Amino acid sequence: MYYELLDYETSESLGIVKQIFIDLTNHLSARTFEEELQESWADFNKLQEHEFDNQSVDDFVEWHNENWQHQIERIFLTQITPE
């Protein structure tokens, strides 16, 4: 699944991430990952309890992967429009 990250203040889309590592030893559900990602993004973007740019998805991925159980990566999507 892909997750769009929206800025808490402006609701602007900042980027998309997806889960790349699932810890099968803990039998965690996708919902648990979604809850973790929501909490992590709120801490990063809204509370800004770090030294990173709170709107940078690349910084968020680095920060999240160092501090949370599930690992994520940034995804780039291109919209194709018909001619």
Protein backbone atom coordinates (compact mmCIF):
# COMPACT_ATOMS: atom_id res chain seq x y z
CA MET A 1 0.00 0.00 0.00
CA TYR A 2 1.01 3.58 -0.63
CA TYR A 3 0.47 6.40 1.86
CA GLU A 4 0.22 10.06 0.90
CA LEU A 5 1.74 12.45 3.44
CA LEU A 6 -0.21 15.66 3.89
CA ASP A 7 1.04 18.74 5.70
CA TYR A 8 -0.90 19.15 8.95
CA GLU A 9 -1.27 22.93 8.53
CA THR A 10 -2.01 23.31 4.82
CA SER A 11 -3.20 19.81 3.79
CA GLU A 12 -0.74 20.07 0.88
CA SER A 13 0.47 16.74 -0.48
CA LEU A 14 4.17 16.45 0.30
CA GLY A 15 4.87 12.97 -1.03
CA ILE A 16 4.14 9.27 -0.89
CA VAL A 17 5.72 6.44 1.09
CA LYS A 18 5.22 2.70 1.35
CA GLN A 19 6.17 0.06 3.85
CA ILE A 20 9.22 -1.97 2.80
CA PHE A 21 9.83 -4.12 5.85
CA ILE A 22 7.33 -6.09 7.88
CA ASP A 23 8.47 -7.62 11.14
CA LEU A 24 6.83 -11.04 10.85
CA THR A 25 8.10 -12.12 14.25
CA ASN A 26 5.63 -9.76 15.91
CA HIS A 27 2.66 -10.69 13.67
CA LEU A 28 1.75 -7.04 13.21
CA SER A 29 -1.24 -6.22 11.04
CA ALA A 30 -1.39 -3.63 8.29
CA ARG A 31 -3.63 -1.55 10.57
CA THR A 32 -0.89 -1.52 13.21
CA PHE A 33 1.54 -0.21 10.60
CA GLU A 34 -0.94 2.46 9.52
CA GLU A 35 -1.36 3.57 13.13
CA GLU A 36 2.41 3.67 13.58
CA LEU A 37 2.87 5.69 10.39
CA GLN A 38 0.14 8.17 11.37
CA GLU A 39 1.70 8.68 14.79
CA SER A 40 5.19 8.96 13.32
CA TRP A 41 4.09 11.53 10.69
CA ALA A 42 2.26 13.58 13.35
CA ASP A 43 5.39 13.61 15.52
CA PHE A 44 7.55 14.60 12.56
CA ASN A 45 5.37 17.09 10.69
CA LYS A 46 3.12 18.53 13.37
CA LEU A 47 5.15 18.38 16.60
CA GLN A 48 8.57 18.88 14.93
CA GLU A 49 10.53 17.25 17.74
CA HIS A 50 13.68 16.86 15.64
CA GLU A 51 16.27 18.84 13.69
CA PHE A 52 14.98 17.95 10.21
CA ASP A 53 12.84 19.92 7.75
CA ASN A 54 9.33 18.94 8.86
CA GLN A 55 8.01 19.06 5.27
CA SER A 56 10.74 16.94 3.70
CA VAL A 57 9.58 13.43 2.88
CA ASP A 58 13.19 12.32 2.42
CA ASP A 59 14.05 13.59 5.91
CA PHE A 60 10.93 11.91 7.28
CA VAL A 61 11.88 8.54 5.78
CA GLU A 62 15.35 8.76 7.31
CA TRP A 63 13.99 9.87 10.71
CA HIS A 64 11.17 7.29 10.72
CA ASN A 65 13.47 4.38 9.79
CA GLU A 66 15.83 5.26 12.65
CA ASN A 67 13.10 5.62 15.27
CA TRP A 68 10.22 3.27 14.45
CA GLN A 69 9.77 -0.47 14.03
CA HIS A 70 8.45 -0.62 10.46
CA GLN A 71 10.66 0.60 7.63
CA ILE A 72 9.43 2.80 4.78
CA GLU A 73 10.69 4.22 1.52
CA ARG A 74 9.67 7.20 -0.59
CA ILE A 75 7.73 6.54 -3.77
CA PHE A 76 7.59 8.80 -6.81
CA LEU A 77 4.50 8.53 -8.98
CA THR A 78 3.93 10.18 -12.33
CA GLN A 79 0.44 11.06 -13.42
CA ILE A 80 -0.28 10.12 -17.02
CA THR A 81 -2.90 12.24 -18.70
CA PRO A 82 -4.52 11.31 -22.00
CA GLU A 83 -3.86 13.53 -24.99
